[in-house]
C-alpha atoms as a PDB file:
ATOM      1  CA  MET A   1      14.446  -6.851  25.965  1.00  0.00           C
ATOM      2  CA  ARG A   2      12.082  -4.033  25.861  1.00  0.00           C
ATOM      3  CA  LYS A   3       8.639  -4.704  24.144  1.00  0.00           C
ATOM      4  CA  VAL A   4       8.551  -3.533  20.556  1.00  0.00           C
ATOM      5  CA  VAL A   5       5.127  -1.963  19.061  1.00  0.00           C
ATOM      6  CA  ILE A   6       5.011  -1.994  15.317  1.00  0.00           C
ATOM      7  CA  THR A   7       2.922   0.708  14.036  1.00  0.00           C
ATOM      8  CA  THR A   8       1.762   2.137  10.566  1.00  0.00           C
ATOM      9  CA  ASP A   9      -0.406   4.341   8.504  1.00  0.00           C
ATOM     10  CA  SER A  10      -3.739   3.447   7.012  1.00  0.00           C
ATOM     11  CA  CYS A  11      -2.097   3.280   3.410  1.00  0.00           C
ATOM     12  CA  CYS A  12      -0.865  -0.273   4.408  1.00  0.00           C
ATOM     13  CA  ASP A  13      -4.077  -1.538   3.029  1.00  0.00           C
ATOM     14  CA  LEU A  14      -4.290  -4.268   5.677  1.00  0.00           C
ATOM     15  CA  THR A  15      -7.561  -6.057   6.478  1.00  0.00           C
ATOM     16  CA  ASN A  16      -8.718  -5.796  10.227  1.00  0.00           C
ATOM     17  CA  GLU A  17      -8.153  -9.372  10.645  1.00  0.00           C
ATOM     18  CA  ILE A  18      -4.500  -8.972   9.548  1.00  0.00           C
ATOM     19  CA  ILE A  19      -3.860  -5.910  11.850  1.00  0.00           C
ATOM     20  CA  GLU A  20      -5.179  -7.937  14.843  1.00  0.00           C
ATOM     21  CA  LYS A  21      -3.389 -11.262  14.063  1.00  0.00           C
ATOM     22  CA  PHE A  22       0.171  -9.361  13.771  1.00  0.00           C
ATOM     23  CA  ASN A  23      -0.934  -6.676  16.552  1.00  0.00           C
ATOM     24  CA  ILE A  24      -0.141  -3.595  14.512  1.00  0.00           C
ATOM     25  CA  LYS A  25      -1.117   0.003  15.426  1.00  0.00           C
ATOM     26  CA  VAL A  26      -2.468   1.879  12.698  1.00  0.00           C
ATOM     27  CA  LEU A  27      -2.881   5.690  12.392  1.00  0.00           C
ATOM     28  CA  PRO A  28      -5.545   6.636   9.597  1.00  0.00           C
ATOM     29  CA  LEU A  29      -4.514   9.133   7.159  1.00  0.00           C
ATOM     30  CA  ASN A  30      -6.768  12.029   6.240  1.00  0.00           C
ATOM     31  CA  VAL A  31      -9.265  12.227   3.234  1.00  0.00           C
ATOM     32  CA  THR A  32     -11.020  15.369   2.243  1.00  0.00           C
ATOM     33  CA  LEU A  33     -14.318  15.199   0.217  1.00  0.00           C
ATOM     34  CA  GLY A  34     -15.382  18.907  -0.762  1.00  0.00           C
ATOM     35  CA  ASN A  35     -15.262  20.742   2.802  1.00  0.00           C
ATOM     36  CA  ASP A  36     -15.420  17.699   4.754  1.00  0.00           C
ATOM     37  CA  SER A  37     -12.418  15.834   6.359  1.00  0.00           C
ATOM     38  CA  TYR A  38     -12.431  12.072   7.144  1.00  0.00           C
ATOM     39  CA  LEU A  39     -10.268   9.410   8.509  1.00  0.00           C
ATOM     40  CA  ASP A  40      -9.242   6.667   5.966  1.00  0.00           C
ATOM     41  CA  GLY A  41     -11.004   3.294   6.950  1.00  0.00           C
ATOM     42  CA  VAL A  42     -12.848   4.990  10.009  1.00  0.00           C
ATOM     43  CA  ASP A  43     -15.594   6.799   8.156  1.00  0.00           C
ATOM     44  CA  VAL A  44     -14.639   7.077   4.562  1.00  0.00           C
ATOM     45  CA  PHE A  45     -14.266   3.862   2.409  1.00  0.00           C
ATOM     46  CA  PRO A  46     -13.636   3.370  -1.422  1.00  0.00           C
ATOM     47  CA  LYS A  47     -16.910   3.165  -2.272  1.00  0.00           C
ATOM     48  CA  ASP A  48     -17.678   6.792  -0.874  1.00  0.00           C
ATOM     49  CA  ILE A  49     -14.801   7.931  -2.928  1.00  0.00           C
ATOM     50  CA  PHE A  50     -15.986   6.531  -6.147  1.00  0.00           C
ATOM     51  CA  GLU A  51     -19.573   7.822  -5.624  1.00  0.00           C
ATOM     52  CA  TYR A  52     -17.985  11.210  -4.789  1.00  0.00           C
ATOM     53  CA  VAL A  53     -15.925  11.446  -7.794  1.00  0.00           C
ATOM     54  CA  ASP A  54     -18.739  10.227 -10.298  1.00  0.00           C
ATOM     55  CA  LYS A  55     -20.927  12.900  -8.636  1.00  0.00           C
ATOM     56  CA  THR A  56     -18.673  15.916  -8.673  1.00  0.00           C
ATOM     57  CA  ASP A  57     -16.012  15.023 -11.149  1.00  0.00           C
ATOM     58  CA  VAL A  58     -13.382  16.054  -8.629  1.00  0.00           C
ATOM     59  CA  LEU A  59     -10.873  13.662  -6.853  1.00  0.00           C
ATOM     60  CA  PRO A  60     -10.590  13.791  -3.009  1.00  0.00           C
ATOM     61  CA  LYS A  61      -7.476  15.228  -1.371  1.00  0.00           C
ATOM     62  CA  THR A  62      -5.630  12.900   0.995  1.00  0.00           C
ATOM     63  CA  ALA A  63      -3.092  14.053   3.437  1.00  0.00           C
ATOM     64  CA  ALA A  64      -0.271  13.015   5.904  1.00  0.00           C
ATOM     65  CA  ARG A  65      -1.282  13.364   9.680  1.00  0.00           C
ATOM     66  CA  SER A  66       0.392  16.144  11.399  1.00  0.00           C
ATOM     67  CA  VAL A  67       3.554  15.957  13.985  1.00  0.00           C
ATOM     68  CA  GLY A  68       1.285  16.420  16.761  1.00  0.00           C
ATOM     69  CA  ASP A  69      -0.887  13.527  15.522  1.00  0.00           C
ATOM     70  CA  PHE A  70       2.196  11.309  15.681  1.00  0.00           C
ATOM     71  CA  ILE A  71       3.042  12.474  18.984  1.00  0.00           C
ATOM     72  CA  THR A  72      -0.233  11.540  20.447  1.00  0.00           C
ATOM     73  CA  PHE A  73      -0.392   8.303  18.773  1.00  0.00           C
ATOM     74  CA  PHE A  74       3.238   7.151  19.858  1.00  0.00           C
ATOM     75  CA  LYS A  75       3.237   8.522  23.327  1.00  0.00           C
ATOM     76  CA  PRO A  76       0.987   5.925  25.121  1.00  0.00           C
ATOM     77  CA  PHE A  77       3.452   3.102  23.802  1.00  0.00           C
ATOM     78  CA  VAL A  78       6.410   5.025  25.100  1.00  0.00           C
ATOM     79  CA  ASP A  79       5.070   5.952  28.384  1.00  0.00           C
ATOM     80  CA  ASP A  80       4.165   2.313  28.669  1.00  0.00           C
ATOM     81  CA  GLY A  81       8.054   1.297  28.304  1.00  0.00           C
ATOM     82  CA  CYS A  82       8.048   0.033  24.762  1.00  0.00           C
ATOM     83  CA  ASP A  83      10.133   0.715  21.691  1.00  0.00           C
ATOM     84  CA  VAL A  84       8.161   2.016  18.891  1.00  0.00           C
ATOM     85  CA  VAL A  85       8.975   1.075  15.018  1.00  0.00           C
ATOM     86  CA  PHE A  86       7.068   2.899  12.461  1.00  0.00           C
ATOM     87  CA  ILE A  87       6.957   1.807   8.806  1.00  0.00           C
ATOM     88  CA  GLY A  88       4.428   3.905   6.828  1.00  0.00           C
ATOM     89  CA  ILE A  89       3.969   5.305   3.100  1.00  0.00           C
ATOM     90  CA  GLY A  90       7.108   6.211   1.195  1.00  0.00           C
ATOM     91  CA  ASN A  91       9.078   9.448   1.639  1.00  0.00           C
ATOM     92  CA  ASP A  92       8.762  10.397  -1.815  1.00  0.00           C
ATOM     93  CA  LEU A  93       5.014   9.779  -2.118  1.00  0.00           C
ATOM     94  CA  SER A  94       3.837  11.741   1.088  1.00  0.00           C
ATOM     95  CA  SER A  95       5.039  13.946   4.013  1.00  0.00           C
ATOM     96  CA  THR A  96       4.234  11.361   6.579  1.00  0.00           C
ATOM     97  CA  LEU A  97       7.802   9.900   7.250  1.00  0.00           C
ATOM     98  CA  GLN A  98       8.986  13.573   7.596  1.00  0.00           C
ATOM     99  CA  ASN A  99       6.357  14.284  10.213  1.00  0.00           C
ATOM    100  CA  VAL A 100       7.223  10.854  12.038  1.00  0.00           C
ATOM    101  CA  ALA A 101      11.131  12.063  12.109  1.00  0.00           C
ATOM    102  CA  ILE A 102       9.969  15.184  13.995  1.00  0.00           C
ATOM    103  CA  ALA A 103       7.625  13.526  16.323  1.00  0.00           C
ATOM    104  CA  ALA A 104      10.495  11.073  16.965  1.00  0.00           C
ATOM    105  CA  LYS A 105      12.708  13.843  18.068  1.00  0.00           C
ATOM    106  CA  GLU A 106       9.976  14.654  20.847  1.00  0.00           C
ATOM    107  CA  LEU A 107       9.820  11.334  22.386  1.00  0.00           C
ATOM    108  CA  PRO A 108      12.441   8.464  23.248  1.00  0.00           C
ATOM    109  CA  ASN A 109      12.863   5.009  21.630  1.00  0.00           C
ATOM    110  CA  VAL A 110      10.779   5.790  18.697  1.00  0.00           C
ATOM    111  CA  TYR A 111      12.340   4.223  15.348  1.00  0.00           C
ATOM    112  CA  TYR A 112      11.459   4.353  11.889  1.00  0.00           C
ATOM    113  CA  THR A 113      12.305   3.466   8.281  1.00  0.00           C
ATOM    114  CA  ASP A 114      11.230   4.635   4.743  1.00  0.00           C
ATOM    115  CA  SER A 115       9.257   1.672   3.191  1.00  0.00           C
ATOM    116  CA  ALA A 116       9.836   3.302  -0.319  1.00  0.00           C
ATOM    117  CA  ASN A 117       6.403   2.062  -1.236  1.00  0.00           C
ATOM    118  CA  LEU A 118       2.641   2.329  -0.900  1.00  0.00           C
ATOM    119  CA  SER A 119      -0.324   0.119   0.023  1.00  0.00           C
ATOM    120  CA  THR A 120       0.505  -3.537   0.735  1.00  0.00           C
ATOM    121  CA  GLY A 121       3.925  -2.899  -0.521  1.00  0.00           C
ATOM    122  CA  ILE A 122       4.529  -1.207   2.923  1.00  0.00           C
ATOM    123  CA  SER A 123       2.846  -4.362   4.433  1.00  0.00           C
ATOM    124  CA  LEU A 124       5.469  -6.638   3.038  1.00  0.00           C
ATOM    125  CA  SER A 125       8.051  -4.871   5.367  1.00  0.00           C
ATOM    126  CA  LEU A 126       5.536  -4.476   7.886  1.00  0.00           C
ATOM    127  CA  LEU A 127       4.670  -8.101   8.444  1.00  0.00           C
ATOM    128  CA  LYS A 128       8.555  -9.066   8.133  1.00  0.00           C
ATOM    129  CA  ALA A 129       9.006  -6.675  11.155  1.00  0.00           C
ATOM    130  CA  CYS A 130       6.627  -8.344  13.009  1.00  0.00           C
ATOM    131  CA  ASP A 131       7.959 -11.639  12.274  1.00  0.00           C
ATOM    132  CA  LEU A 132      11.209 -10.131  13.531  1.00  0.00           C
ATOM    133  CA  ARG A 133       9.666  -8.856  16.689  1.00  0.00           C
ATOM    134  CA  ASP A 134       8.109 -12.174  17.575  1.00  0.00           C
ATOM    135  CA  GLU A 135      11.724 -13.735  17.176  1.00  0.00           C
ATOM    136  CA  GLY A 136      12.824 -11.333  19.610  1.00  0.00           C
ATOM    137  CA  MET A 137      14.833  -8.916  17.747  1.00  0.00           C
ATOM    138  CA  SER A 138      15.185  -5.249  19.111  1.00  0.00           C
ATOM    139  CA  ALA A 139      13.474  -2.428  17.539  1.00  0.00           C
ATOM    140  CA  GLU A 140      16.806  -0.871  16.267  1.00  0.00           C
ATOM    141  CA  ASP A 141      17.677  -4.012  14.503  1.00  0.00           C
ATOM    142  CA  ILE A 142      14.612  -4.558  13.184  1.00  0.00           C
ATOM    143  CA  VAL A 143      14.575  -1.308  11.543  1.00  0.00           C
ATOM    144  CA  LYS A 144      18.119  -1.827  10.247  1.00  0.00           C
ATOM    145  CA  LYS A 145      17.191  -5.114   8.691  1.00  0.00           C
ATOM    146  CA  ILE A 146      13.875  -3.797   7.000  1.00  0.00           C
ATOM    147  CA  ASP A 147      15.931  -1.046   5.702  1.00  0.00           C
ATOM    148  CA  SER A 148      18.601  -3.114   3.901  1.00  0.00           C
ATOM    149  CA  GLU A 149      15.667  -5.230   2.205  1.00  0.00           C
ATOM    150  CA  THR A 150      13.300  -2.585   1.202  1.00  0.00           C
ATOM    151  CA  LYS A 151      14.760  -2.721  -2.496  1.00  0.00           C
ATOM    152  CA  ASN A 152      13.579  -6.404  -2.840  1.00  0.00           C
ATOM    153  CA  MET A 153       9.836  -5.524  -2.935  1.00  0.00           C
ATOM    154  CA  ASP A 154       8.000  -5.875  -6.128  1.00  0.00           C
ATOM    155  CA  VAL A 155       5.101  -3.582  -5.967  1.00  0.00           C
ATOM    156  CA  SER A 156       2.734  -2.985  -9.104  1.00  0.00           C
ATOM    157  CA  PHE A 157      -0.675  -2.283 -10.245  1.00  0.00           C
ATOM    158  CA  ILE A 158      -3.103  -2.472 -13.220  1.00  0.00           C
ATOM    159  CA  ILE A 159      -5.165   0.670 -13.548  1.00  0.00           C
ATOM    160  CA  ASP A 160      -8.824   0.456 -15.083  1.00  0.00           C
ATOM    161  CA  ARG A 161      -9.749   4.068 -15.327  1.00  0.00           C
ATOM    162  CA  LEU A 162      -7.117   6.722 -16.226  1.00  0.00           C
ATOM    163  CA  ASP A 163      -9.144   9.631 -15.394  1.00  0.00           C
ATOM    164  CA  TYR A 164      -8.290   9.297 -11.895  1.00  0.00           C
ATOM    165  CA  LEU A 165      -4.443   9.832 -12.815  1.00  0.00           C
ATOM    166  CA  TYR A 166      -5.346  12.461 -15.072  1.00  0.00           C
ATOM    167  CA  LYS A 167      -7.331  14.509 -12.517  1.00  0.00           C
ATOM    168  CA  GLY A 168      -4.487  13.877 -10.223  1.00  0.00           C
ATOM    169  CA  GLY A 169      -1.980  15.205 -12.681  1.00  0.00           C
ATOM    170  CA  ARG A 170      -0.294  12.059 -13.192  1.00  0.00           C
ATOM    171  CA  CYS A 171      -0.932  11.762 -16.894  1.00  0.00           C
ATOM    172  CA  SER A 172      -1.789  14.245 -19.638  1.00  0.00           C
ATOM    173  CA  ALA A 173      -5.297  14.623 -21.239  1.00  0.00           C
ATOM    174  CA  VAL A 174      -3.910  13.265 -24.613  1.00  0.00           C
ATOM    175  CA  SER A 175      -2.336  10.275 -22.886  1.00  0.00           C
ATOM    176  CA  ALA A 176      -5.371   9.432 -21.122  1.00  0.00           C
ATOM    177  CA  PHE A 177      -7.795   9.979 -24.395  1.00  0.00           C
ATOM    178  CA  GLY A 178      -5.387   7.834 -26.351  1.00  0.00           C
ATOM    179  CA  ALA A 179      -5.174   4.990 -23.790  1.00  0.00           C
ATOM    180  CA  ASN A 180      -8.890   5.110 -23.475  1.00  0.00           C
ATOM    181  CA  LEU A 181      -9.486   5.119 -27.076  1.00  0.00           C
ATOM    182  CA  LEU A 182      -7.256   2.072 -27.528  1.00  0.00           C
ATOM    183  CA  LYS A 183      -8.496   0.371 -24.403  1.00  0.00           C
ATOM    184  CA  LEU A 184      -5.197   0.235 -22.868  1.00  0.00           C
ATOM    185  CA  HIS A 185      -4.667  -0.369 -19.065  1.00  0.00           C
ATOM    186  CA  PRO A 186      -1.083   0.266 -17.930  1.00  0.00           C
ATOM    187  CA  CYS A 187       0.839  -1.324 -15.202  1.00  0.00           C
ATOM    188  CA  ILE A 188       2.182   1.032 -12.593  1.00  0.00           C
ATOM    189  CA  GLU A 189       5.320   0.094 -10.801  1.00  0.00           C
ATOM    190  CA  VAL A 190       6.787   1.392  -7.658  1.00  0.00           C
ATOM    191  CA  VAL A 191      10.618   1.527  -8.300  1.00  0.00           C
ATOM    192  CA  ASN A 192      12.932   3.174  -5.810  1.00  0.00           C
ATOM    193  CA  GLY A 193      10.179   4.880  -4.267  1.00  0.00           C
ATOM    194  CA  LYS A 194       8.685   6.408  -7.325  1.00  0.00           C
ATOM    195  CA  LEU A 195       5.781   5.861  -9.507  1.00  0.00           C
ATOM    196  CA  GLY A 196       6.286   4.757 -13.134  1.00  0.00           C
ATOM    197  CA  VAL A 197       4.528   3.138 -16.190  1.00  0.00           C
ATOM    198  CA  GLY A 198       5.677  -0.367 -17.025  1.00  0.00           C
ATOM    199  CA  LYS A 199       3.701  -2.534 -19.673  1.00  0.00           C
ATOM    200  CA  LYS A 200       0.590  -1.649 -21.018  1.00  0.00           C
ATOM    201  CA  TYR A 201      -2.238  -4.320 -21.392  1.00  0.00           C
ATOM    202  CA  ARG A 202      -5.332  -4.151 -23.726  1.00  0.00           C
ATOM    203  CA  GLY A 203      -8.450  -6.045 -23.760  1.00  0.00           C
ATOM    204  CA  ASN A 204     -10.825  -7.107 -21.307  1.00  0.00           C
ATOM    205  CA  MET A 205     -10.095  -6.309 -17.763  1.00  0.00           C
ATOM    206  CA  LYS A 206     -10.584  -9.862 -16.214  1.00  0.00           C
ATOM    207  CA  ASP A 207      -8.346 -11.517 -18.735  1.00  0.00           C
ATOM    208  CA  ILE A 208      -5.557  -8.624 -18.468  1.00  0.00           C
ATOM    209  CA  LEU A 209      -5.515  -9.070 -14.640  1.00  0.00           C
ATOM    210  CA  VAL A 210      -4.866 -12.872 -14.949  1.00  0.00           C
ATOM    211  CA  LYS A 211      -2.410 -12.168 -17.550  1.00  0.00           C
ATOM    212  CA  TYR A 212      -0.865  -9.397 -15.572  1.00  0.00           C
ATOM    213  CA  ILE A 213      -0.576 -11.854 -12.474  1.00  0.00           C
ATOM    214  CA  ASN A 214       1.149 -14.443 -14.520  1.00  0.00           C
ATOM    215  CA  ASP A 215       3.504 -12.164 -16.342  1.00  0.00           C
ATOM    216  CA  ARG A 216       4.613 -10.887 -12.846  1.00  0.00           C
ATOM    217  CA  LEU A 217       5.167 -14.408 -11.615  1.00  0.00           C
ATOM    218  CA  SER A 218       7.020 -15.806 -14.501  1.00  0.00           C
ATOM    219  CA  VAL A 219       9.997 -13.591 -15.071  1.00  0.00           C
ATOM    220  CA  ASP A 220      12.905 -15.604 -16.150  1.00  0.00           C
ATOM    221  CA  GLY A 221      15.405 -15.904 -13.060  1.00  0.00           C
ATOM    222  CA  MET A 222      13.242 -14.320 -10.392  1.00  0.00           C
ATOM    223  CA  LYS A 223      13.409 -15.927  -7.015  1.00  0.00           C
ATOM    224  CA  PHE A 224      10.903 -15.407  -4.517  1.00  0.00           C
ATOM    225  CA  VAL A 225      10.383 -14.872  -0.770  1.00  0.00           C
ATOM    226  CA  LYS A 226       7.640 -17.536  -0.566  1.00  0.00           C
ATOM    227  CA  LYS A 227       6.210 -16.550   2.824  1.00  0.00           C
ATOM    228  CA  ARG A 228       3.401 -14.443   1.401  1.00  0.00           C
ATOM    229  CA  VAL A 229       2.230 -12.320  -1.614  1.00  0.00           C
ATOM    230  CA  PHE A 230      -0.660  -9.725  -1.512  1.00  0.00           C
ATOM    231  CA  ILE A 231      -3.545  -9.301  -4.096  1.00  0.00           C
ATOM    232  CA  THR A 232      -4.798  -5.704  -3.258  1.00  0.00           C
ATOM    233  CA  HIS A 233      -7.318  -4.197  -5.030  1.00  0.00           C
ATOM    234  CA  THR A 234     -10.286  -1.527  -5.565  1.00  0.00           C
ATOM    235  CA  CYS A 235     -12.521  -4.036  -7.292  1.00  0.00           C
ATOM    236  CA  VAL A 236     -15.576  -2.926  -5.031  1.00  0.00           C
ATOM    237  CA  GLU A 237     -18.177  -4.279  -8.039  1.00  0.00           C
ATOM    238  CA  HIS A 238     -16.151  -7.177  -9.564  1.00  0.00           C
ATOM    239  CA  PRO A 239     -15.206  -9.573  -6.961  1.00  0.00           C
ATOM    240  CA  GLU A 240     -14.963 -11.933  -9.641  1.00  0.00           C
ATOM    241  CA  TYR A 241     -11.638 -10.130 -11.006  1.00  0.00           C
ATOM    242  CA  VAL A 242     -10.071 -10.475  -7.566  1.00  0.00           C
ATOM    243  CA  ALA A 243     -11.138 -14.382  -7.275  1.00  0.00           C
ATOM    244  CA  ALA A 244      -9.467 -15.049 -10.649  1.00  0.00           C
ATOM    245  CA  CYS A 245      -6.362 -13.422  -9.664  1.00  0.00           C
ATOM    246  CA  VAL A 246      -6.004 -15.139  -5.997  1.00  0.00           C
ATOM    247  CA  GLU A 247      -6.665 -18.275  -7.934  1.00  0.00           C
ATOM    248  CA  ALA A 248      -3.938 -17.435 -10.604  1.00  0.00           C
ATOM    249  CA  ALA A 249      -1.540 -16.517  -7.811  1.00  0.00           C
ATOM    250  CA  LYS A 250      -2.186 -19.917  -5.704  1.00  0.00           C
ATOM    251  CA  ALA A 251      -2.015 -21.928  -8.780  1.00  0.00           C
ATOM    252  CA  THR A 252       1.718 -21.063  -9.345  1.00  0.00           C
ATOM    253  CA  GLY A 253       2.306 -22.956  -5.972  1.00  0.00           C
ATOM    254  CA  ILE A 254       5.014 -20.384  -5.220  1.00  0.00           C
ATOM    255  CA  PHE A 255       3.480 -18.553  -2.048  1.00  0.00           C
ATOM    256  CA  GLU A 256       2.557 -20.140   1.565  1.00  0.00           C
ATOM    257  CA  THR A 257      -0.366 -17.317   2.124  1.00  0.00           C
ATOM    258  CA  VAL A 258      -1.910 -15.440  -0.744  1.00  0.00           C
ATOM    259  CA  TYR A 259      -3.798 -12.627   0.897  1.00  0.00           C
ATOM    260  CA  ASP A 260      -6.626 -10.802  -0.649  1.00  0.00           C
ATOM    261  CA  THR A 261      -6.655  -7.268   0.766  1.00  0.00           C
ATOM    262  CA  PRO A 262      -9.127  -4.535  -0.437  1.00  0.00           C
ATOM    263  CA  ALA A 263      -7.272  -0.965  -0.734  1.00  0.00           C
ATOM    264  CA  GLY A 264      -8.257   1.705   1.601  1.00  0.00           C
ATOM    265  CA  SER A 265      -9.544   5.357   0.837  1.00  0.00           C
ATOM    266  CA  THR A 266      -6.089   6.918   0.069  1.00  0.00           C
ATOM    267  CA  ILE A 267      -5.302   4.454  -2.525  1.00  0.00           C
ATOM    268  CA  ALA A 268      -8.622   4.711  -4.098  1.00  0.00           C
ATOM    269  CA  SER A 269      -8.463   8.248  -4.117  1.00  0.00           C
ATOM    270  CA  HIS A 270      -5.501   8.053  -6.518  1.00  0.00           C
ATOM    271  CA  CYS A 271      -6.094   5.040  -8.599  1.00  0.00           C
ATOM    272  CA  GLY A 272     -10.000   4.467  -9.152  1.00  0.00           C
ATOM    273  CA  PRO A 273     -12.010   1.487  -9.248  1.00  0.00           C
ATOM    274  CA  ASN A 274     -11.055  -1.710 -10.624  1.00  0.00           C
ATOM    275  CA  THR A 275      -7.229  -1.331  -9.982  1.00  0.00           C
ATOM    276  CA  LEU A 276      -5.490  -4.486  -8.804  1.00  0.00           C
ATOM    277  CA  GLY A 277      -2.098  -5.255  -8.054  1.00  0.00           C
ATOM    278  CA  ILE A 278       0.080  -8.186  -7.032  1.00  0.00           C
ATOM    279  CA  LEU A 279       2.709  -7.575  -4.256  1.00  0.00           C
ATOM    280  CA  PHE A 280       5.553  -9.552  -3.217  1.00  0.00           C
ATOM    281  CA  GLU A 281       9.288  -9.849  -1.973  1.00  0.00           C
ATOM    282  CA  ARG A 282      12.016 -10.853  -4.254  1.00  0.00           C
ATOM    283  CA  ALA A 283      14.804 -13.070  -2.768  1.00  0.00           C
ATOM    284  CA  GLU A 284      18.131 -11.489  -3.099  1.00  0.00           C
END
């Protein structure tokens, strides 16, 4: 059996500890602040993003890596006789997968699938792929298995500041003004690889987030894959928000492992500070 290497991009929002534990190889995405380009999680971090936006009132630009970058990234693993599996940001959200597909035509034994997701929604599939790799499954079969179960990922976030969505062209000025006036905080959901707006919450952010966690985990008839859940966030200045949500998720007793994962610069650039989500897999 050929050795399988699991790869992704930095939008997966995994901590270094998790990346090392599961032996995942990560290619950072590009983040541009003004005229300067950086690598997500290498030399730019969410705190830098928030300071830049507060100072300039302009959002950073995020970009996929080039085809050549992916060839360079994959080639050492291929040359070492490995099969490569890539699971990264969804095809409807970035040109990353298109570039991976082109790179895969230039190299043998590179397999990929569309996560139809972002942030640790990617990582739900990614860590499952690692489990399958460790069970001895082939790269081709891993991709088929992951592809068949992508639809089961339950991914959502609560947004604190709508100005990031407005600046990014994802909501109108009128909608942003009205929501801010009413102190509304929308739940952004990933459905079929696209972003949509779900329930809107009103009130204190900490209380909203705990209610949101409980709402997502108490849907009538919902069954869960219990192995893991992610609480992923950009709460740089409010760790108490995160602690309350992690505790709320643990208190349900549903999941074996509750991961607390800070989002990277790519997600922070689009969602802003104090965004928090719960991401898990539904059982079929």
